[in-house]
PDB file of N, CA and C in Angstrom:
ATOM      1  N   MET A   1       0.841  -1.178   0.000  1.00  0.00           N
ATOM      2  CA  MET A   1       0.000   0.000   0.000  1.00  0.00           C
ATOM      3  C   MET A   1       0.887   1.243   0.000  1.00  0.00           C
ATOM      4  N   TYR A   2       0.345   2.318  -0.491  1.00  0.00           N
ATOM      5  CA  TYR A   2       1.096   3.571  -0.568  1.00  0.00           C
ATOM      6  C   TYR A   2       1.086   4.291   0.779  1.00  0.00           C
ATOM      7  N   ILE A   3       1.904   5.314   0.886  1.00  0.00           N
ATOM      8  CA  ILE A   3       2.097   6.013   2.160  1.00  0.00           C
ATOM      9  C   ILE A   3       0.804   6.678   2.655  1.00  0.00           C
ATOM     10  N   GLY A   4      -0.038   7.149   1.744  1.00  0.00           N
ATOM     11  CA  GLY A   4      -1.296   7.767   2.163  1.00  0.00           C
ATOM     12  C   GLY A   4      -2.196   6.787   2.888  1.00  0.00           C
ATOM     13  N   GLU A   5      -2.289   5.583   2.363  1.00  0.00           N
ATOM     14  CA  GLU A   5      -3.098   4.559   3.005  1.00  0.00           C
ATOM     15  C   GLU A   5      -2.467   4.128   4.328  1.00  0.00           C
ATOM     16  N   ALA A   6      -1.141   4.030   4.344  1.00  0.00           N
ATOM     17  CA  ALA A   6      -0.438   3.695   5.591  1.00  0.00           C
ATOM     18  C   ALA A   6      -0.721   4.752   6.650  1.00  0.00           C
ATOM     19  N   SER A   7      -0.752   5.997   6.237  1.00  0.00           N
ATOM     20  CA  SER A   7      -1.054   7.099   7.149  1.00  0.00           C
ATOM     21  C   SER A   7      -2.455   6.948   7.736  1.00  0.00           C
ATOM     22  N   LYS A   8      -3.419   6.637   6.889  1.00  0.00           N
ATOM     23  CA  LYS A   8      -4.803   6.478   7.360  1.00  0.00           C
ATOM     24  C   LYS A   8      -4.931   5.296   8.323  1.00  0.00           C
ATOM     25  N   LEU A   9      -4.272   4.197   8.004  1.00  0.00           N
ATOM     26  CA  LEU A   9      -4.380   2.997   8.844  1.00  0.00           C
ATOM     27  C   LEU A   9      -3.718   3.163  10.209  1.00  0.00           C
ATOM     28  N   THR A  10      -2.674   3.963  10.269  1.00  0.00           N
ATOM     29  CA  THR A  10      -1.911   4.093  11.512  1.00  0.00           C
ATOM     30  C   THR A  10      -2.241   5.356  12.304  1.00  0.00           C
ATOM     31  N   GLY A  11      -2.863   6.328  11.653  1.00  0.00           N
ATOM     32  CA  GLY A  11      -3.128   7.600  12.323  1.00  0.00           C
ATOM     33  C   GLY A  11      -1.903   8.501  12.376  1.00  0.00           C
ATOM     34  N   LEU A  12      -0.847   8.100  11.692  1.00  0.00           N
ATOM     35  CA  LEU A  12       0.378   8.901  11.646  1.00  0.00           C
ATOM     36  C   LEU A  12       0.379   9.772  10.391  1.00  0.00           C
ATOM     37  N   SER A  13       0.988  10.914  10.496  1.00  0.00           N
ATOM     38  CA  SER A  13       1.092  11.771   9.313  1.00  0.00           C
ATOM     39  C   SER A  13       2.116  11.184   8.344  1.00  0.00           C
ATOM     40  N   ILE A  14       2.001  11.568   7.105  1.00  0.00           N
ATOM     41  CA  ILE A  14       2.965  11.132   6.096  1.00  0.00           C
ATOM     42  C   ILE A  14       4.359  11.607   6.488  1.00  0.00           C
ATOM     43  N   LYS A  15       4.439  12.818   6.994  1.00  0.00           N
ATOM     44  CA  LYS A  15       5.725  13.368   7.428  1.00  0.00           C
ATOM     45  C   LYS A  15       6.335  12.516   8.542  1.00  0.00           C
ATOM     46  N   ALA A  16       5.509  12.082   9.489  1.00  0.00           N
ATOM     47  CA  ALA A  16       5.998  11.246  10.600  1.00  0.00           C
ATOM     48  C   ALA A  16       6.494   9.901  10.079  1.00  0.00           C
ATOM     49  N   ILE A  17       5.750   9.313   9.152  1.00  0.00           N
ATOM     50  CA  ILE A  17       6.168   8.015   8.597  1.00  0.00           C
ATOM     51  C   ILE A  17       7.523   8.144   7.921  1.00  0.00           C
ATOM     52  N   ARG A  18       7.695   9.209   7.170  1.00  0.00           N
ATOM     53  CA  ARG A  18       8.991   9.427   6.507  1.00  0.00           C
ATOM     54  C   ARG A  18      10.104   9.630   7.529  1.00  0.00           C
ATOM     55  N   LEU A  19       9.794  10.334   8.623  1.00  0.00           N
ATOM     56  CA  LEU A  19      10.781  10.549   9.684  1.00  0.00           C
ATOM     57  C   LEU A  19      11.195   9.220  10.311  1.00  0.00           C
ATOM     58  N   TYR A  20      10.226   8.348  10.589  1.00  0.00           N
ATOM     59  CA  TYR A  20      10.527   7.061  11.207  1.00  0.00           C
ATOM     60  C   TYR A  20      11.373   6.202  10.274  1.00  0.00           C
ATOM     61  N   GLU A  21      11.107   6.324   8.991  1.00  0.00           N
ATOM     62  CA  GLU A  21      11.931   5.619   8.011  1.00  0.00           C
ATOM     63  C   GLU A  21      13.356   6.182   8.023  1.00  0.00           C
ATOM     64  N   GLU A  22      13.456   7.495   8.045  1.00  0.00           N
ATOM     65  CA  GLU A  22      14.769   8.161   8.058  1.00  0.00           C
ATOM     66  C   GLU A  22      15.570   7.791   9.301  1.00  0.00           C
ATOM     67  N   LYS A  23      14.898   7.672  10.439  1.00  0.00           N
ATOM     68  CA  LYS A  23      15.572   7.353  11.704  1.00  0.00           C
ATOM     69  C   LYS A  23      15.848   5.861  11.864  1.00  0.00           C
ATOM     70  N   GLY A  24      15.381   5.057  10.923  1.00  0.00           N
ATOM     71  CA  GLY A  24      15.645   3.629  10.982  1.00  0.00           C
ATOM     72  C   GLY A  24      14.687   2.846  11.854  1.00  0.00           C
ATOM     73  N   LEU A  25      13.567   3.447  12.243  1.00  0.00           N
ATOM     74  CA  LEU A  25      12.588   2.725  13.052  1.00  0.00           C
ATOM     75  C   LEU A  25      11.815   1.713  12.215  1.00  0.00           C
ATOM     76  N   ILE A  26      11.663   2.001  10.937  1.00  0.00           N
ATOM     77  CA  ILE A  26      11.081   1.032  10.019  1.00  0.00           C
ATOM     78  C   ILE A  26      12.068   0.849   8.874  1.00  0.00           C
ATOM     79  N   ARG A  27      11.998  -0.292   8.266  1.00  0.00           N
ATOM     80  CA  ARG A  27      12.864  -0.564   7.115  1.00  0.00           C
ATOM     81  C   ARG A  27      12.459   0.341   5.956  1.00  0.00           C
ATOM     82  N   VAL A  28      13.403   0.622   5.100  1.00  0.00           N
ATOM     83  CA  VAL A  28      13.085   1.363   3.890  1.00  0.00           C
ATOM     84  C   VAL A  28      12.158   0.485   3.062  1.00  0.00           C
ATOM     85  N   PRO A  29      10.942   0.963   2.794  1.00  0.00           N
ATOM     86  CA  PRO A  29       9.990   0.109   2.079  1.00  0.00           C
ATOM     87  C   PRO A  29      10.377  -0.087   0.617  1.00  0.00           C
ATOM     88  N   ALA A  30       9.822  -1.136   0.061  1.00  0.00           N
ATOM     89  CA  ALA A  30      10.009  -1.383  -1.367  1.00  0.00           C
ATOM     90  C   ALA A  30       9.406  -0.214  -2.142  1.00  0.00           C
ATOM     91  N   ARG A  31       9.843  -0.080  -3.368  1.00  0.00           N
ATOM     92  CA  ARG A  31       9.319   1.017  -4.184  1.00  0.00           C
ATOM     93  C   ARG A  31       8.730   0.484  -5.481  1.00  0.00           C
ATOM     94  N   SER A  32       7.757   1.218  -5.947  1.00  0.00           N
ATOM     95  CA  SER A  32       7.190   1.012  -7.274  1.00  0.00           C
ATOM     96  C   SER A  32       7.332   2.354  -7.969  1.00  0.00           C
ATOM     97  N   GLY A  33       8.393   2.487  -8.732  1.00  0.00           N
ATOM     98  CA  GLY A  33       8.688   3.798  -9.316  1.00  0.00           C
ATOM     99  C   GLY A  33       9.093   4.744  -8.210  1.00  0.00           C
ATOM    100  N   ARG A  34       8.415   5.860  -8.122  1.00  0.00           N
ATOM    101  CA  ARG A  34       8.703   6.856  -7.078  1.00  0.00           C
ATOM    102  C   ARG A  34       7.985   6.572  -5.768  1.00  0.00           C
ATOM    103  N   TYR A  35       7.067   5.633  -5.768  1.00  0.00           N
ATOM    104  CA  TYR A  35       6.189   5.420  -4.621  1.00  0.00           C
ATOM    105  C   TYR A  35       6.697   4.341  -3.685  1.00  0.00           C
ATOM    106  N   ARG A  36       6.594   4.646  -2.380  1.00  0.00           N
ATOM    107  CA  ARG A  36       6.922   3.663  -1.356  1.00  0.00           C
ATOM    108  C   ARG A  36       5.752   2.689  -1.244  1.00  0.00           C
ATOM    109  N   ILE A  37       6.071   1.422  -1.087  1.00  0.00           N
ATOM    110  CA  ILE A  37       5.040   0.397  -0.914  1.00  0.00           C
ATOM    111  C   ILE A  37       5.230  -0.207   0.481  1.00  0.00           C
ATOM    112  N   TYR A  38       4.259   0.007   1.349  1.00  0.00           N
ATOM    113  CA  TYR A  38       4.348  -0.463   2.730  1.00  0.00           C
ATOM    114  C   TYR A  38       3.656  -1.820   2.868  1.00  0.00           C
ATOM    115  N   SER A  39       4.311  -2.716   3.592  1.00  0.00           N
ATOM    116  CA  SER A  39       3.785  -4.064   3.815  1.00  0.00           C
ATOM    117  C   SER A  39       2.958  -4.091   5.104  1.00  0.00           C
ATOM    118  N   LYS A  40       2.311  -5.219   5.332  1.00  0.00           N
ATOM    119  CA  LYS A  40       1.555  -5.425   6.570  1.00  0.00           C
ATOM    120  C   LYS A  40       2.491  -5.303   7.779  1.00  0.00           C
ATOM    121  N   ALA A  41       3.707  -5.840   7.660  1.00  0.00           N
ATOM    122  CA  ALA A  41       4.687  -5.758   8.756  1.00  0.00           C
ATOM    123  C   ALA A  41       5.070  -4.310   9.041  1.00  0.00           C
ATOM    124  N   ASP A  42       5.214  -3.499   7.988  1.00  0.00           N
ATOM    125  CA  ASP A  42       5.522  -2.076   8.181  1.00  0.00           C
ATOM    126  C   ASP A  42       4.393  -1.389   8.945  1.00  0.00           C
ATOM    127  N   ILE A  43       3.165  -1.717   8.591  1.00  0.00           N
ATOM    128  CA  ILE A  43       1.998  -1.118   9.256  1.00  0.00           C
ATOM    129  C   ILE A  43       1.969  -1.517  10.727  1.00  0.00           C
ATOM    130  N   GLU A  44       2.282  -2.763  11.029  1.00  0.00           N
ATOM    131  CA  GLU A  44       2.302  -3.219  12.425  1.00  0.00           C
ATOM    132  C   GLU A  44       3.328  -2.430  13.240  1.00  0.00           C
ATOM    133  N   ILE A  45       4.500  -2.209  12.671  1.00  0.00           N
ATOM    134  CA  ILE A  45       5.528  -1.450  13.381  1.00  0.00           C
ATOM    135  C   ILE A  45       5.110   0.007  13.526  1.00  0.00           C
ATOM    136  N   LEU A  46       4.522   0.584  12.488  1.00  0.00           N
ATOM    137  CA  LEU A  46       4.054   1.970  12.575  1.00  0.00           C
ATOM    138  C   LEU A  46       2.979   2.125  13.645  1.00  0.00           C
ATOM    139  N   LYS A  47       2.084   1.144  13.746  1.00  0.00           N
ATOM    140  CA  LYS A  47       1.063   1.181  14.803  1.00  0.00           C
ATOM    141  C   LYS A  47       1.710   1.077  16.185  1.00  0.00           C
ATOM    142  N   LEU A  48       2.716   0.220  16.296  1.00  0.00           N
ATOM    143  CA  LEU A  48       3.453   0.098  17.558  1.00  0.00           C
ATOM    144  C   LEU A  48       4.088   1.432  17.929  1.00  0.00           C
ATOM    145  N   ILE A  49       4.686   2.095  16.979  1.00  0.00           N
ATOM    146  CA  ILE A  49       5.320   3.398  17.232  1.00  0.00           C
ATOM    147  C   ILE A  49       4.275   4.402  17.700  1.00  0.00           C
ATOM    148  N   ALA A  50       3.139   4.463  17.006  1.00  0.00           N
ATOM    149  CA  ALA A  50       2.080   5.409  17.373  1.00  0.00           C
ATOM    150  C   ALA A  50       1.574   5.145  18.790  1.00  0.00           C
ATOM    151  N   GLU A  51       1.323   3.886  19.110  1.00  0.00           N
ATOM    152  CA  GLU A  51       0.827   3.537  20.446  1.00  0.00           C
ATOM    153  C   GLU A  51       1.878   3.801  21.514  1.00  0.00           C
ATOM    154  N   SER A  52       3.118   3.507  21.202  1.00  0.00           N
ATOM    155  CA  SER A  52       4.199   3.727  22.165  1.00  0.00           C
ATOM    156  C   SER A  52       4.378   5.209  22.465  1.00  0.00           C
ATOM    157  N   LYS A  53       4.255   6.040  21.446  1.00  0.00           N
ATOM    158  CA  LYS A  53       4.378   7.480  21.662  1.00  0.00           C
ATOM    159  C   LYS A  53       3.275   7.980  22.588  1.00  0.00           C
ATOM    160  N   ARG A  54       2.067   7.422  22.448  1.00  0.00           N
ATOM    161  CA  ARG A  54       0.968   7.810  23.345  1.00  0.00           C
ATOM    162  C   ARG A  54       1.264   7.409  24.788  1.00  0.00           C
ATOM    163  N   LEU A  55       2.096   6.394  24.954  1.00  0.00           N
ATOM    164  CA  LEU A  55       2.486   5.949  26.297  1.00  0.00           C
ATOM    165  C   LEU A  55       3.667   6.738  26.854  1.00  0.00           C
ATOM    166  N   GLY A  56       4.209   7.644  26.035  1.00  0.00           N
ATOM    167  CA  GLY A  56       5.334   8.453  26.491  1.00  0.00           C
ATOM    168  C   GLY A  56       6.689   7.852  26.173  1.00  0.00           C
ATOM    169  N   VAL A  57       6.724   6.834  25.344  1.00  0.00           N
ATOM    170  CA  VAL A  57       7.981   6.196  24.972  1.00  0.00           C
ATOM    171  C   VAL A  57       8.688   7.079  23.939  1.00  0.00           C
ATOM    172  N   THR A  58       9.976   7.268  24.105  1.00  0.00           N
ATOM    173  CA  THR A  58      10.734   8.104  23.176  1.00  0.00           C
ATOM    174  C   THR A  58      11.124   7.320  21.921  1.00  0.00           C
ATOM    175  N   LEU A  59      11.370   8.058  20.857  1.00  0.00           N
ATOM    176  CA  LEU A  59      11.824   7.434  19.618  1.00  0.00           C
ATOM    177  C   LEU A  59      13.181   6.770  19.817  1.00  0.00           C
ATOM    178  N   ALA A  60      14.034   7.388  20.623  1.00  0.00           N
ATOM    179  CA  ALA A  60      15.368   6.819  20.877  1.00  0.00           C
ATOM    180  C   ALA A  60      15.259   5.449  21.533  1.00  0.00           C
ATOM    181  N   SER A  61      14.361   5.309  22.499  1.00  0.00           N
ATOM    182  CA  SER A  61      14.232   4.004  23.151  1.00  0.00           C
ATOM    183  C   SER A  61      13.583   2.991  22.213  1.00  0.00           C
ATOM    184  N   LEU A  62      12.676   3.446  21.369  1.00  0.00           N
ATOM    185  CA  LEU A  62      12.080   2.538  20.390  1.00  0.00           C
ATOM    186  C   LEU A  62      13.115   2.047  19.387  1.00  0.00           C
ATOM    187  N   LYS A  63      14.025   2.932  19.009  1.00  0.00           N
ATOM    188  CA  LYS A  63      15.058   2.556  18.043  1.00  0.00           C
ATOM    189  C   LYS A  63      15.912   1.410  18.581  1.00  0.00           C
ATOM    190  N   GLU A  64      16.148   1.412  19.881  1.00  0.00           N
ATOM    191  CA  GLU A  64      16.931   0.337  20.493  1.00  0.00           C
ATOM    192  C   GLU A  64      16.153  -0.986  20.543  1.00  0.00           C
ATOM    193  N   VAL A  65      14.828  -0.896  20.536  1.00  0.00           N
ATOM    194  CA  VAL A  65      13.986  -2.070  20.723  1.00  0.00           C
ATOM    195  C   VAL A  65      13.548  -2.701  19.400  1.00  0.00           C
ATOM    196  N   ILE A  66      13.290  -1.876  18.408  1.00  0.00           N
ATOM    197  CA  ILE A  66      12.822  -2.402  17.122  1.00  0.00           C
ATOM    198  C   ILE A  66      14.030  -2.911  16.358  1.00  0.00           C
ATOM    199  N   VAL A  67      14.199  -4.222  16.409  1.00  0.00           N
ATOM    200  CA  VAL A  67      15.354  -4.870  15.784  1.00  0.00           C
ATOM    201  C   VAL A  67      14.845  -5.808  14.697  1.00  0.00           C
ATOM    202  N   TYR A  68      15.406  -5.640  13.527  1.00  0.00           N
ATOM    203  CA  TYR A  68      15.042  -6.492  12.397  1.00  0.00           C
ATOM    204  C   TYR A  68      16.046  -7.633  12.266  1.00  0.00           C
ATOM    205  N   THR A  69      15.528  -8.817  12.012  1.00  0.00           N
ATOM    206  CA  THR A  69      16.358  -9.985  11.720  1.00  0.00           C
ATOM    207  C   THR A  69      16.033 -10.428  10.296  1.00  0.00           C
ATOM    208  N   ASP A  70      16.642 -11.495   9.875  1.00  0.00           N
ATOM    209  CA  ASP A  70      16.338 -12.031   8.542  1.00  0.00           C
ATOM    210  C   ASP A  70      14.878 -12.480   8.439  1.00  0.00           C
ATOM    211  N   HIS A  71      14.270 -12.758   9.581  1.00  0.00           N
ATOM    212  CA  HIS A  71      12.892 -13.261   9.610  1.00  0.00           C
ATOM    213  C   HIS A  71      11.877 -12.168   9.936  1.00  0.00           C
ATOM    214  N   GLY A  72      12.307 -10.926   9.993  1.00  0.00           N
ATOM    215  CA  GLY A  72      11.398  -9.832  10.314  1.00  0.00           C
ATOM    216  C   GLY A  72      11.766  -9.188  11.639  1.00  0.00           C
ATOM    217  N   VAL A  73      10.789  -8.601  12.265  1.00  0.00           N
ATOM    218  CA  VAL A  73      10.998  -7.890  13.523  1.00  0.00           C
ATOM    219  C   VAL A  73      11.075  -8.883  14.682  1.00  0.00           C
ATOM    220  N   ASP A  74      11.930  -8.588  15.645  1.00  0.00           N
ATOM    221  CA  ASP A  74      12.057  -9.409  16.849  1.00  0.00           C
ATOM    222  C   ASP A  74      10.947  -9.005  17.830  1.00  0.00           C
ATOM    223  N   TRP A  75       9.792  -9.645  17.695  1.00  0.00           N
ATOM    224  CA  TRP A  75       8.633  -9.283  18.518  1.00  0.00           C
ATOM    225  C   TRP A  75       8.814  -9.667  19.980  1.00  0.00           C
ATOM    226  N   GLN A  76       9.609 -10.669  20.271  1.00  0.00           N
ATOM    227  CA  GLN A  76       9.856 -11.036  21.673  1.00  0.00           C
ATOM    228  C   GLN A  76      10.591  -9.905  22.394  1.00  0.00           C
ATOM    229  N   ARG A  77      11.516  -9.292  21.708  1.00  0.00           N
ATOM    230  CA  ARG A  77      12.246  -8.156  22.281  1.00  0.00           C
ATOM    231  C   ARG A  77      11.279  -7.000  22.543  1.00  0.00           C
ATOM    232  N   ILE A  78      10.371  -6.759  21.620  1.00  0.00           N
ATOM    233  CA  ILE A  78       9.377  -5.690  21.787  1.00  0.00           C
ATOM    234  C   ILE A  78       8.440  -6.023  22.938  1.00  0.00           C
ATOM    235  N   LYS A  79       8.030  -7.281  23.039  1.00  0.00           N
ATOM    236  CA  LYS A  79       7.156  -7.695  24.136  1.00  0.00           C
ATOM    237  C   LYS A  79       7.828  -7.445  25.484  1.00  0.00           C
ATOM    238  N   HIS A  80       9.096  -7.816  25.604  1.00  0.00           N
ATOM    239  CA  HIS A  80       9.842  -7.591  26.844  1.00  0.00           C
ATOM    240  C   HIS A  80       9.892  -6.095  27.173  1.00  0.00           C
ATOM    241  N   PHE A  81      10.157  -5.287  26.168  1.00  0.00           N
ATOM    242  CA  PHE A  81      10.205  -3.832  26.354  1.00  0.00           C
ATOM    243  C   PHE A  81       8.848  -3.309  26.851  1.00  0.00           C
ATOM    244  N   LEU A  82       7.766  -3.782  26.236  1.00  0.00           N
ATOM    245  CA  LEU A  82       6.437  -3.320  26.642  1.00  0.00           C
ATOM    246  C   LEU A  82       6.093  -3.759  28.062  1.00  0.00           C
ATOM    247  N   LEU A  83       6.577  -4.916  28.472  1.00  0.00           N
ATOM    248  CA  LEU A  83       6.390  -5.336  29.863  1.00  0.00           C
ATOM    249  C   LEU A  83       7.123  -4.389  30.818  1.00  0.00           C
ATOM    250  N   GLU A  84       8.295  -3.907  30.401  1.00  0.00           N
ATOM    251  CA  GLU A  84       9.021  -2.919  31.204  1.00  0.00           C
ATOM    252  C   GLU A  84       8.254  -1.602  31.263  1.00  0.00           C
ATOM    253  N   VAL A  85       7.684  -1.188  30.142  1.00  0.00           N
ATOM    254  CA  VAL A  85       6.875   0.040  30.108  1.00  0.00           C
ATOM    255  C   VAL A  85       5.686  -0.108  31.053  1.00  0.00           C
ATOM    256  N   LYS A  86       5.048  -1.266  31.013  1.00  0.00           N
ATOM    257  CA  LYS A  86       3.911  -1.533  31.888  1.00  0.00           C
ATOM    258  C   LYS A  86       4.309  -1.424  33.352  1.00  0.00           C
ATOM    259  N   ALA A  87       5.449  -1.989  33.706  1.00  0.00           N
ATOM    260  CA  ALA A  87       5.922  -1.925  35.093  1.00  0.00           C
ATOM    261  C   ALA A  87       6.175  -0.480  35.515  1.00  0.00           C
ATOM    262  N   LYS A  88       6.753   0.308  34.627  1.00  0.00           N
ATOM    263  CA  LYS A  88       7.001   1.724  34.936  1.00  0.00           C
ATOM    264  C   LYS A  88       5.695   2.476  35.127  1.00  0.00           C
ATOM    265  N   LEU A  89       4.703   2.181  34.299  1.00  0.00           N
ATOM    266  CA  LEU A  89       3.400   2.841  34.438  1.00  0.00           C
ATOM    267  C   LEU A  89       2.734   2.474  35.761  1.00  0.00           C
ATOM    268  N   HIS A  90       2.858   1.214  36.171  1.00  0.00           N
ATOM    269  CA  HIS A  90       2.310   0.807  37.470  1.00  0.00           C
ATOM    270  C   HIS A  90       3.013   1.560  38.603  1.00  0.00           C
ATOM    271  N   ALA A  91       4.313   1.710  38.497  1.00  0.00           N
ATOM    272  CA  ALA A  91       5.064   2.441  39.525  1.00  0.00           C
ATOM    273  C   ALA A  91       4.642   3.906  39.561  1.00  0.00           C
ATOM    274  N   GLU A  92       4.441   4.496  38.396  1.00  0.00           N
ATOM    275  CA  GLU A  92       3.985   5.890  38.343  1.00  0.00           C
ATOM    276  C   GLU A  92       2.607   6.031  38.961  1.00  0.00           C
ATOM    277  N   ARG A  93       1.728   5.051  38.671  1.00  0.00           N
ATOM    278  CA  ARG A  93       0.385   5.098  39.247  1.00  0.00           C
ATOM    279  C   ARG A  93       0.449   4.994  40.770  1.00  0.00           C
ATOM    280  N   ALA A  94       1.297   4.117  41.286  1.00  0.00           N
ATOM    281  CA  ALA A  94       1.441   3.973  42.734  1.00  0.00           C
ATOM    282  C   ALA A  94       1.942   5.272  43.354  1.00  0.00           C
ATOM    283  N   SER A  95       2.885   5.914  42.675  1.00  0.00           N
ATOM    284  CA  SER A  95       3.407   7.192  43.164  1.00  0.00           C
ATOM    285  C   SER A  95       2.316   8.262  43.169  1.00  0.00           C
ATOM    286  N   LEU A  96       1.535   8.304  42.114  1.00  0.00           N
ATOM    287  CA  LEU A  96       0.427   9.269  42.055  1.00  0.00           C
ATOM    288  C   LEU A  96      -0.611   8.987  43.129  1.00  0.00           C
ATOM    289  N   ASP A  97      -0.929   7.712  43.341  1.00  0.00           N
ATOM    290  CA  ASP A  97      -1.892   7.350  44.391  1.00  0.00           C
ATOM    291  C   ASP A  97      -1.405   7.822  45.751  1.00  0.00           C
ATOM    292  N   GLU A  98      -0.115   7.664  46.019  1.00  0.00           N
ATOM    293  CA  GLU A  98       0.441   8.110  47.299  1.00  0.00           C
ATOM    294  C   GLU A  98       0.370   9.630  47.419  1.00  0.00           C
ATOM    295  N   ARG A  99       0.677  10.318  46.357  1.00  0.00           N
ATOM    296  CA  ARG A  99       0.613  11.787  46.390  1.00  0.00           C
ATOM    297  C   ARG A  99      -0.821  12.260  46.583  1.00  0.00           C
ATOM    298  N   LEU A 100      -1.778  11.585  45.956  1.00  0.00           N
ATOM    299  CA  LEU A 100      -3.182  11.929  46.160  1.00  0.00           C
ATOM    300  C   LEU A 100      -3.606  11.679  47.600  1.00  0.00           C
ATOM    301  N   ARG A 101      -3.123  10.596  48.174  1.00  0.00           N
ATOM    302  CA  ARG A 101      -3.429  10.299  49.578  1.00  0.00           C
ATOM    303  C   ARG A 101      -2.930  11.418  50.479  1.00  0.00           C
ATOM    304  N   LEU A 102      -1.708  11.894  50.201  1.00  0.00           N
ATOM    305  CA  LEU A 102      -1.139  12.978  51.010  1.00  0.00           C
ATOM    306  C   LEU A 102      -1.918  14.272  50.837  1.00  0.00           C
ATOM    307  N   VAL A 103      -2.339  14.561  49.623  1.00  0.00           N
ATOM    308  CA  VAL A 103      -3.139  15.772  49.387  1.00  0.00           C
ATOM    309  C   VAL A 103      -4.463  15.660  50.127  1.00  0.00           C
ATOM    310  N   ASN A 104      -5.085  14.511  50.057  1.00  0.00           N
ATOM    311  CA  ASN A 104      -6.363  14.313  50.771  1.00  0.00           C
ATOM    312  C   ASN A 104      -6.179  14.449  52.274  1.00  0.00           C
ATOM    313  N   LEU A 105      -5.070  13.971  52.779  1.00  0.00           N
ATOM    314  CA  LEU A 105      -4.761  14.105  54.202  1.00  0.00           C
ATOM    315  C   LEU A 105      -4.642  15.584  54.583  1.00  0.00           C
ATOM    316  N   CYS A 106      -3.923  16.337  53.775  1.00  0.00           N
ATOM    317  CA  CYS A 106      -3.773  17.783  54.017  1.00  0.00           C
ATOM    318  C   CYS A 106      -5.118  18.484  53.981  1.00  0.00           C
ATOM    319  N   ILE A 107      -5.950  18.127  53.005  1.00  0.00           N
ATOM    320  CA  ILE A 107      -7.267  18.744  52.879  1.00  0.00           C
ATOM    321  C   ILE A 107      -8.115  18.430  54.096  1.00  0.00           C
ATOM    322  N   SER A 108      -8.077  17.206  54.567  1.00  0.00           N
ATOM    323  CA  SER A 108      -8.901  16.820  55.708  1.00  0.00           C
ATOM    324  C   SER A 108      -8.449  17.493  56.990  1.00  0.00           C
ATOM    325  N   GLU A 109      -7.177  17.884  57.055  1.00  0.00           N
ATOM    326  CA  GLU A 109      -6.669  18.534  58.257  1.00  0.00           C
ATOM    327  C   GLU A 109      -6.921  20.032  58.273  1.00  0.00           C
ATOM    328  N   ILE A 110      -7.378  20.568  57.160  1.00  0.00           N
ATOM    329  CA  ILE A 110      -7.639  22.028  57.099  1.00  0.00           C
ATOM    330  C   ILE A 110      -9.012  22.304  57.682  1.00  0.00           C
TER     331      ILE A 110
END
């Protein structure tokens, strides 16, 4: 599929997709003349990037995690990374819960 369709499927702008390609987050797609042709695997990685950005993951950390082998993307490595992200989010939530408890304590004492 062409970049416009990839953009619609992933919710990413065409400019962002080109940036991710430039930064090496996705493989350089095949071409048909001047047009980039994105595969299903490219779309999966682009969706992962979009979702990860919503979680606050940086492009630099994604670049370290998205590793291509002869057989495609190393999804086990990505899964491990996402489990780490999940653990960090749980820790942040616990910290926020504690801070809310302290604020409520202060409010109740006023």
